[in-house]
Structures are given as structure tokens and as C-alpha cells.
């Protein structure tokens, strides 16, 4: 589990390393268990923000999966 305020910090600052997650105040267990996922989301968001307007988006690899998983 990751604290809500830490999720907001990750969304705002888009860290690219576990060291940056640590500097945002995430706990060791948050980084250990969820750090790679948070960093990958952050990197994906950076790519989306740098894409020119009107460019095609990446296909969603989770499309078609039930939302209740």
C-alpha cells in the first residue's frame, strides 16, 4: 500500500529512480514493493507529455480486461 500523499507527490514530480522516491518521502517498504511500478508509470507519463499533439497513443495492453481484477 502507498500513502495517498505519496501518490500525489509521484504524480507531481514524476521521479525516475528509487532515490528520487526516497527524497519524496516514500517509506522503504513502499519503495521496495511498489517502486518499480511507480517509476514505470512516471516514465510513461513523461513520454505521453512529450508526445506532439495529435500523435497516436500507445495501445492499452490492459484493454478488454475486466475492471474488477
Protein backbone atom coordinates (compact mmCIF):
# COMPACT_ATOMS: atom_id res chain seq x y z
CA UNK A 1 0.00 0.00 0.00
CA UNK A 2 1.21 3.50 -0.84
CA UNK A 3 0.03 6.55 1.10
CA UNK A 4 -2.19 8.94 -0.83
CA UNK A 5 0.09 11.95 -0.33
CA UNK A 6 2.98 9.94 -1.76
CA UNK A 7 0.93 9.09 -4.86
CA UNK A 8 0.26 12.80 -5.32
CA UNK A 9 3.98 13.54 -5.00
CA UNK A 10 4.84 10.89 -7.59
CA UNK A 11 2.22 12.31 -9.97
CA UNK A 12 3.52 15.85 -9.49
CA UNK A 13 7.29 15.30 -9.64
CA UNK A 14 7.47 12.19 -11.88
CA UNK A 15 10.55 10.55 -10.29
CA UNK A 16 12.78 8.31 -12.40
CA UNK A 17 14.71 6.46 -9.69
CA UNK A 18 14.25 4.89 -6.29
CA UNK A 19 16.48 7.61 -4.86
CA UNK A 20 14.03 10.23 -6.06
CA UNK A 21 11.16 8.24 -4.50
CA UNK A 22 13.10 8.27 -1.23
CA UNK A 23 13.62 12.03 -1.47
CA UNK A 24 9.84 12.45 -1.92
CA UNK A 25 9.38 10.77 1.46
CA UNK A 26 8.17 7.31 0.47
CA UNK A 27 8.90 4.65 3.07
CA UNK A 28 11.36 1.84 2.47
CA UNK A 29 8.55 -0.71 2.15
CA UNK A 30 6.64 1.50 -0.32
CA UNK A 31 9.76 1.76 -2.47
CA UNK A 32 10.67 -1.92 -2.10
CA UNK A 33 7.23 -3.25 -3.01
CA UNK A 34 5.91 -0.58 -5.41
CA UNK A 35 8.91 1.49 -6.52
CA UNK A 36 9.44 -0.10 -9.93
CA UNK A 37 5.75 0.25 -10.78
CA UNK A 38 5.61 3.89 -9.68
CA UNK A 39 8.74 4.72 -11.69
CA UNK A 40 7.39 2.97 -14.80
CA UNK A 41 4.12 4.94 -14.51
CA UNK A 42 6.11 8.12 -14.11
CA UNK A 43 8.27 7.39 -17.18
CA UNK A 44 5.18 6.51 -19.23
CA UNK A 45 3.57 9.79 -18.20
CA UNK A 46 6.70 11.71 -19.22
CA UNK A 47 6.58 10.07 -22.67
CA UNK A 48 2.89 10.97 -23.05
CA UNK A 49 3.54 14.59 -22.08
CA UNK A 50 6.41 14.89 -24.57
CA UNK A 51 4.39 13.46 -27.49
CA UNK A 52 3.28 16.06 -30.06
CA UNK A 53 -0.40 16.97 -30.06
CA UNK A 54 -2.41 14.68 -32.32
CA UNK A 55 0.13 11.82 -32.22
CA UNK A 56 -1.29 8.33 -31.83
CA UNK A 57 -1.28 6.92 -28.32
CA UNK A 58 0.25 3.57 -27.38
CA UNK A 59 -2.27 0.73 -27.37
CA UNK A 60 -3.51 -0.11 -23.89
CA UNK A 61 -2.22 -3.61 -23.11
CA UNK A 62 -4.96 -3.98 -20.49
CA UNK A 63 -7.80 -3.17 -22.89
CA UNK A 64 -10.55 -5.73 -22.74
CA UNK A 65 -9.71 -6.97 -19.25
CA UNK A 66 -12.49 -6.86 -16.67
CA UNK A 67 -12.24 -3.78 -14.45
CA UNK A 68 -12.88 -5.83 -11.30
CA UNK A 69 -9.46 -7.52 -11.31
